[in-house]
Amino acid sequence: MSGAAEPFPWDEVLHLALSRLRWSPDALWRATPRELALALAPPARTALERPGLDVLMRMFPDR
């Protein structure tokens, strides 16, 4: 193990923030590392399935 740190992947971060997230450059530079990590991370939850939708529809019916 050399102990040398890997360089930060600026090219990848810029590409993802500007294209996938559609952030402006200003929004990217104002974001904290945590905000950027959360924005790029996969969703923590799975999609809503039919039983959950049925519960919500009963709780909040269209009027």
PDB file of N, CA and C in Angstrom:
ATOM      1  N   MET A   1       0.852  -1.178   0.000  1.00  0.00           N
ATOM      2  CA  MET A   1       0.000   0.000   0.000  1.00  0.00           C
ATOM      3  C   MET A   1       0.892   1.233   0.000  1.00  0.00           C
ATOM      4  N   SER A   2       0.689   2.105  -0.957  1.00  0.00           N
ATOM      5  CA  SER A   2       1.552   3.271  -1.090  1.00  0.00           C
ATOM      6  C   SER A   2       1.122   4.417  -0.192  1.00  0.00           C
ATOM      7  N   GLY A   3      -0.123   4.445   0.225  1.00  0.00           N
ATOM      8  CA  GLY A   3      -0.612   5.530   1.062  1.00  0.00           C
ATOM      9  C   GLY A   3      -1.009   6.765   0.276  1.00  0.00           C
ATOM     10  N   ALA A   4      -0.790   6.752  -1.032  1.00  0.00           N
ATOM     11  CA  ALA A   4      -1.158   7.902  -1.856  1.00  0.00           C
ATOM     12  C   ALA A   4      -2.663   7.929  -2.056  1.00  0.00           C
ATOM     13  N   ALA A   5      -3.228   9.093  -1.869  1.00  0.00           N
ATOM     14  CA  ALA A   5      -4.671   9.256  -2.052  1.00  0.00           C
ATOM     15  C   ALA A   5      -5.002   9.330  -3.536  1.00  0.00           C
ATOM     16  N   GLU A   6      -6.144   8.788  -3.879  1.00  0.00           N
ATOM     17  CA  GLU A   6      -6.628   8.890  -5.258  1.00  0.00           C
ATOM     18  C   GLU A   6      -7.069  10.333  -5.502  1.00  0.00           C
ATOM     19  N   PRO A   7      -6.804  10.871  -6.687  1.00  0.00           N
ATOM     20  CA  PRO A   7      -7.270  12.228  -6.980  1.00  0.00           C
ATOM     21  C   PRO A   7      -8.798  12.267  -7.050  1.00  0.00           C
ATOM     22  N   PHE A   8      -9.354  13.394  -6.672  1.00  0.00           N
ATOM     23  CA  PHE A   8     -10.809  13.548  -6.713  1.00  0.00           C
ATOM     24  C   PHE A   8     -11.273  13.519  -8.164  1.00  0.00           C
ATOM     25  N   PRO A   9     -12.348  12.786  -8.458  1.00  0.00           N
ATOM     26  CA  PRO A   9     -12.816  12.637  -9.852  1.00  0.00           C
ATOM     27  C   PRO A   9     -13.646  13.836 -10.336  1.00  0.00           C
ATOM     28  N   TRP A  10     -13.001  14.991 -10.462  1.00  0.00           N
ATOM     29  CA  TRP A  10     -13.715  16.208 -10.832  1.00  0.00           C
ATOM     30  C   TRP A  10     -14.453  16.077 -12.161  1.00  0.00           C
ATOM     31  N   ASP A  11     -13.836  15.461 -13.153  1.00  0.00           N
ATOM     32  CA  ASP A  11     -14.492  15.339 -14.463  1.00  0.00           C
ATOM     33  C   ASP A  11     -15.814  14.590 -14.346  1.00  0.00           C
ATOM     34  N   GLU A  12     -15.820  13.500 -13.581  1.00  0.00           N
ATOM     35  CA  GLU A  12     -17.050  12.721 -13.402  1.00  0.00           C
ATOM     36  C   GLU A  12     -18.100  13.510 -12.632  1.00  0.00           C
ATOM     37  N   VAL A  13     -17.675  14.194 -11.581  1.00  0.00           N
ATOM     38  CA  VAL A  13     -18.609  14.979 -10.772  1.00  0.00           C
ATOM     39  C   VAL A  13     -19.228  16.085 -11.611  1.00  0.00           C
ATOM     40  N   LEU A  14     -18.407  16.800 -12.345  1.00  0.00           N
ATOM     41  CA  LEU A  14     -18.930  17.874 -13.193  1.00  0.00           C
ATOM     42  C   LEU A  14     -19.907  17.329 -14.225  1.00  0.00           C
ATOM     43  N   HIS A  15     -19.538  16.238 -14.861  1.00  0.00           N
ATOM     44  CA  HIS A  15     -20.413  15.652 -15.880  1.00  0.00           C
ATOM     45  C   HIS A  15     -21.763  15.253 -15.274  1.00  0.00           C
ATOM     46  N   LEU A  16     -21.744  14.538 -14.155  1.00  0.00           N
ATOM     47  CA  LEU A  16     -22.992  14.076 -13.544  1.00  0.00           C
ATOM     48  C   LEU A  16     -23.844  15.237 -13.038  1.00  0.00           C
ATOM     49  N   ALA A  17     -23.217  16.201 -12.393  1.00  0.00           N
ATOM     50  CA  ALA A  17     -23.982  17.319 -11.834  1.00  0.00           C
ATOM     51  C   ALA A  17     -24.602  18.178 -12.932  1.00  0.00           C
ATOM     52  N   LEU A  18     -23.852  18.417 -13.986  1.00  0.00           N
ATOM     53  CA  LEU A  18     -24.352  19.303 -15.038  1.00  0.00           C
ATOM     54  C   LEU A  18     -25.286  18.602 -16.016  1.00  0.00           C
ATOM     55  N   SER A  19     -25.081  17.302 -16.245  1.00  0.00           N
ATOM     56  CA  SER A  19     -25.929  16.616 -17.224  1.00  0.00           C
ATOM     57  C   SER A  19     -27.050  15.827 -16.558  1.00  0.00           C
ATOM     58  N   ARG A  20     -26.716  14.920 -15.664  1.00  0.00           N
ATOM     59  CA  ARG A  20     -27.751  14.067 -15.061  1.00  0.00           C
ATOM     60  C   ARG A  20     -28.635  14.840 -14.084  1.00  0.00           C
ATOM     61  N   LEU A  21     -28.014  15.653 -13.231  1.00  0.00           N
ATOM     62  CA  LEU A  21     -28.796  16.410 -12.252  1.00  0.00           C
ATOM     63  C   LEU A  21     -29.341  17.714 -12.831  1.00  0.00           C
ATOM     64  N   ARG A  22     -28.753  18.156 -13.924  1.00  0.00           N
ATOM     65  CA  ARG A  22     -29.135  19.411 -14.582  1.00  0.00           C
ATOM     66  C   ARG A  22     -28.963  20.614 -13.659  1.00  0.00           C
ATOM     67  N   TRP A  23     -27.943  20.539 -12.827  1.00  0.00           N
ATOM     68  CA  TRP A  23     -27.616  21.665 -11.957  1.00  0.00           C
ATOM     69  C   TRP A  23     -26.860  22.706 -12.764  1.00  0.00           C
ATOM     70  N   SER A  24     -26.998  23.948 -12.376  1.00  0.00           N
ATOM     71  CA  SER A  24     -26.166  24.998 -12.951  1.00  0.00           C
ATOM     72  C   SER A  24     -24.783  24.894 -12.305  1.00  0.00           C
ATOM     73  N   PRO A  25     -23.763  25.458 -12.942  1.00  0.00           N
ATOM     74  CA  PRO A  25     -22.449  25.450 -12.293  1.00  0.00           C
ATOM     75  C   PRO A  25     -22.495  26.094 -10.907  1.00  0.00           C
ATOM     76  N   ASP A  26     -23.269  27.163 -10.773  1.00  0.00           N
ATOM     77  CA  ASP A  26     -23.383  27.833  -9.476  1.00  0.00           C
ATOM     78  C   ASP A  26     -23.975  26.895  -8.423  1.00  0.00           C
ATOM     79  N   ALA A  27     -25.002  26.146  -8.797  1.00  0.00           N
ATOM     80  CA  ALA A  27     -25.616  25.209  -7.845  1.00  0.00           C
ATOM     81  C   ALA A  27     -24.622  24.132  -7.432  1.00  0.00           C
ATOM     82  N   LEU A  28     -23.820  23.662  -8.380  1.00  0.00           N
ATOM     83  CA  LEU A  28     -22.820  22.644  -8.053  1.00  0.00           C
ATOM     84  C   LEU A  28     -21.808  23.181  -7.050  1.00  0.00           C
ATOM     85  N   TRP A  29     -21.277  24.362  -7.304  1.00  0.00           N
ATOM     86  CA  TRP A  29     -20.232  24.889  -6.418  1.00  0.00           C
ATOM     87  C   TRP A  29     -20.779  25.296  -5.058  1.00  0.00           C
ATOM     88  N   ARG A  30     -22.071  25.559  -4.952  1.00  0.00           N
ATOM     89  CA  ARG A  30     -22.671  25.898  -3.654  1.00  0.00           C
ATOM     90  C   ARG A  30     -23.069  24.653  -2.855  1.00  0.00           C
ATOM     91  N   ALA A  31     -23.156  23.521  -3.513  1.00  0.00           N
ATOM     92  CA  ALA A  31     -23.580  22.286  -2.847  1.00  0.00           C
ATOM     93  C   ALA A  31     -22.487  21.783  -1.910  1.00  0.00           C
ATOM     94  N   THR A  32     -22.928  21.228  -0.800  1.00  0.00           N
ATOM     95  CA  THR A  32     -21.979  20.591   0.116  1.00  0.00           C
ATOM     96  C   THR A  32     -21.650  19.196  -0.421  1.00  0.00           C
ATOM     97  N   PRO A  33     -20.557  18.606   0.017  1.00  0.00           N
ATOM     98  CA  PRO A  33     -20.268  17.228  -0.411  1.00  0.00           C
ATOM     99  C   PRO A  33     -21.408  16.269  -0.076  1.00  0.00           C
ATOM    100  N   ARG A  34     -22.048  16.462   1.069  1.00  0.00           N
ATOM    101  CA  ARG A  34     -23.163  15.589   1.453  1.00  0.00           C
ATOM    102  C   ARG A  34     -24.343  15.761   0.497  1.00  0.00           C
ATOM    103  N   GLU A  35     -24.673  16.997   0.136  1.00  0.00           N
ATOM    104  CA  GLU A  35     -25.772  17.237  -0.807  1.00  0.00           C
ATOM    105  C   GLU A  35     -25.478  16.580  -2.153  1.00  0.00           C
ATOM    106  N   LEU A  36     -24.263  16.706  -2.605  1.00  0.00           N
ATOM    107  CA  LEU A  36     -23.885  16.097  -3.876  1.00  0.00           C
ATOM    108  C   LEU A  36     -23.978  14.578  -3.800  1.00  0.00           C
ATOM    109  N   ALA A  37     -23.478  14.002  -2.715  1.00  0.00           N
ATOM    110  CA  ALA A  37     -23.529  12.546  -2.557  1.00  0.00           C
ATOM    111  C   ALA A  37     -24.967  12.046  -2.519  1.00  0.00           C
ATOM    112  N   LEU A  38     -25.841  12.748  -1.800  1.00  0.00           N
ATOM    113  CA  LEU A  38     -27.246  12.335  -1.728  1.00  0.00           C
ATOM    114  C   LEU A  38     -27.939  12.481  -3.079  1.00  0.00           C
ATOM    115  N   ALA A  39     -27.620  13.531  -3.813  1.00  0.00           N
ATOM    116  CA  ALA A  39     -28.245  13.746  -5.122  1.00  0.00           C
ATOM    117  C   ALA A  39     -27.818  12.676  -6.124  1.00  0.00           C
ATOM    118  N   LEU A  40     -26.600  12.183  -5.998  1.00  0.00           N
ATOM    119  CA  LEU A  40     -26.091  11.193  -6.944  1.00  0.00           C
ATOM    120  C   LEU A  40     -26.358   9.757  -6.522  1.00  0.00           C
ATOM    121  N   ALA A  41     -26.733   9.555  -5.270  1.00  0.00           N
ATOM    122  CA  ALA A  41     -26.965   8.201  -4.758  1.00  0.00           C
ATOM    123  C   ALA A  41     -28.276   7.641  -5.298  1.00  0.00           C
ATOM    124  N   PRO A  42     -28.368   6.334  -5.422  1.00  0.00           N
ATOM    125  CA  PRO A  42     -29.648   5.739  -5.822  1.00  0.00           C
ATOM    126  C   PRO A  42     -30.688   5.963  -4.729  1.00  0.00           C
ATOM    127  N   PRO A  43     -31.964   5.961  -5.092  1.00  0.00           N
ATOM    128  CA  PRO A  43     -33.014   6.166  -4.089  1.00  0.00           C
ATOM    129  C   PRO A  43     -32.913   5.129  -2.975  1.00  0.00           C
ATOM    130  N   ALA A  44     -33.163   5.571  -1.759  1.00  0.00           N
ATOM    131  CA  ALA A  44     -33.080   4.673  -0.607  1.00  0.00           C
ATOM    132  C   ALA A  44     -34.291   3.751  -0.528  1.00  0.00           C
ATOM    133  N   ARG A  45     -35.383   4.143  -1.132  1.00  0.00           N
ATOM    134  CA  ARG A  45     -36.613   3.347  -1.066  1.00  0.00           C
ATOM    135  C   ARG A  45     -36.932   2.748  -2.425  1.00  0.00           C
ATOM    136  N   THR A  46     -37.738   1.706  -2.371  1.00  0.00           N
ATOM    137  CA  THR A  46     -38.234   1.121  -3.610  1.00  0.00           C
ATOM    138  C   THR A  46     -39.483   1.888  -4.046  1.00  0.00           C
ATOM    139  N   ALA A  47     -39.907   1.637  -5.244  1.00  0.00           N
ATOM    140  CA  ALA A  47     -41.107   2.290  -5.760  1.00  0.00           C
ATOM    141  C   ALA A  47     -42.340   1.850  -4.977  1.00  0.00           C
ATOM    142  N   LEU A  48     -43.314   2.720  -4.925  1.00  0.00           N
ATOM    143  CA  LEU A  48     -44.576   2.415  -4.257  1.00  0.00           C
ATOM    144  C   LEU A  48     -45.285   1.291  -5.009  1.00  0.00           C
ATOM    145  N   GLU A  49     -45.687   0.273  -4.277  1.00  0.00           N
ATOM    146  CA  GLU A  49     -46.403  -0.846  -4.890  1.00  0.00           C
ATOM    147  C   GLU A  49     -47.899  -0.676  -4.665  1.00  0.00           C
ATOM    148  N   ARG A  50     -48.685  -1.472  -5.349  1.00  0.00           N
ATOM    149  CA  ARG A  50     -50.138  -1.324  -5.352  1.00  0.00           C
ATOM    150  C   ARG A  50     -50.760  -1.319  -3.957  1.00  0.00           C
ATOM    151  N   PRO A  51     -50.401  -2.217  -3.041  1.00  0.00           N
ATOM    152  CA  PRO A  51     -51.023  -2.164  -1.709  1.00  0.00           C
ATOM    153  C   PRO A  51     -50.799  -0.821  -1.007  1.00  0.00           C
ATOM    154  N   GLY A  52     -49.610  -0.276  -1.132  1.00  0.00           N
ATOM    155  CA  GLY A  52     -49.340   1.032  -0.536  1.00  0.00           C
ATOM    156  C   GLY A  52     -50.146   2.130  -1.195  1.00  0.00           C
ATOM    157  N   LEU A  53     -50.294   2.057  -2.510  1.00  0.00           N
ATOM    158  CA  LEU A  53     -51.105   3.028  -3.231  1.00  0.00           C
ATOM    159  C   LEU A  53     -52.560   2.937  -2.798  1.00  0.00           C
ATOM    160  N   ASP A  54     -53.071   1.723  -2.640  1.00  0.00           N
ATOM    161  CA  ASP A  54     -54.459   1.542  -2.193  1.00  0.00           C
ATOM    162  C   ASP A  54     -54.686   2.189  -0.832  1.00  0.00           C
ATOM    163  N   VAL A  55     -53.740   2.023   0.082  1.00  0.00           N
ATOM    164  CA  VAL A  55     -53.854   2.637   1.413  1.00  0.00           C
ATOM    165  C   VAL A  55     -53.905   4.153   1.283  1.00  0.00           C
ATOM    166  N   LEU A  56     -53.010   4.723   0.495  1.00  0.00           N
ATOM    167  CA  LEU A  56     -53.000   6.175   0.314  1.00  0.00           C
ATOM    168  C   LEU A  56     -54.277   6.674  -0.349  1.00  0.00           C
ATOM    169  N   MET A  57     -54.807   5.909  -1.299  1.00  0.00           N
ATOM    170  CA  MET A  57     -56.041   6.322  -1.978  1.00  0.00           C
ATOM    171  C   MET A  57     -57.219   6.307  -1.017  1.00  0.00           C
ATOM    172  N   ARG A  58     -57.234   5.370  -0.070  1.00  0.00           N
ATOM    173  CA  ARG A  58     -58.303   5.358   0.935  1.00  0.00           C
ATOM    174  C   ARG A  58     -58.129   6.515   1.920  1.00  0.00           C
ATOM    175  N   MET A  59     -56.893   6.820   2.271  1.00  0.00           N
ATOM    176  CA  MET A  59     -56.631   7.897   3.224  1.00  0.00           C
ATOM    177  C   MET A  59     -56.895   9.276   2.621  1.00  0.00           C
ATOM    178  N   PHE A  60     -56.609   9.423   1.338  1.00  0.00           N
ATOM    179  CA  PHE A  60     -56.720  10.721   0.675  1.00  0.00           C
ATOM    180  C   PHE A  60     -57.496  10.580  -0.633  1.00  0.00           C
ATOM    181  N   PRO A  61     -58.809  10.334  -0.543  1.00  0.00           N
ATOM    182  CA  PRO A  61     -59.594  10.132  -1.769  1.00  0.00           C
ATOM    183  C   PRO A  61     -59.731  11.428  -2.572  1.00  0.00           C
ATOM    184  N   ASP A  62     -59.823  11.266  -3.886  1.00  0.00           N
ATOM    185  CA  ASP A  62     -60.122  12.419  -4.740  1.00  0.00           C
ATOM    186  C   ASP A  62     -61.546  12.849  -4.458  1.00  0.00           C
ATOM    187  N   ARG A  63     -61.764  14.118  -4.460  1.00  0.00           N
ATOM    188  CA  ARG A  63     -63.115  14.616  -4.182  1.00  0.00           C
ATOM    189  C   ARG A  63     -63.671  15.286  -5.399  1.00  0.00           C
TER     190      ARG A  63
END
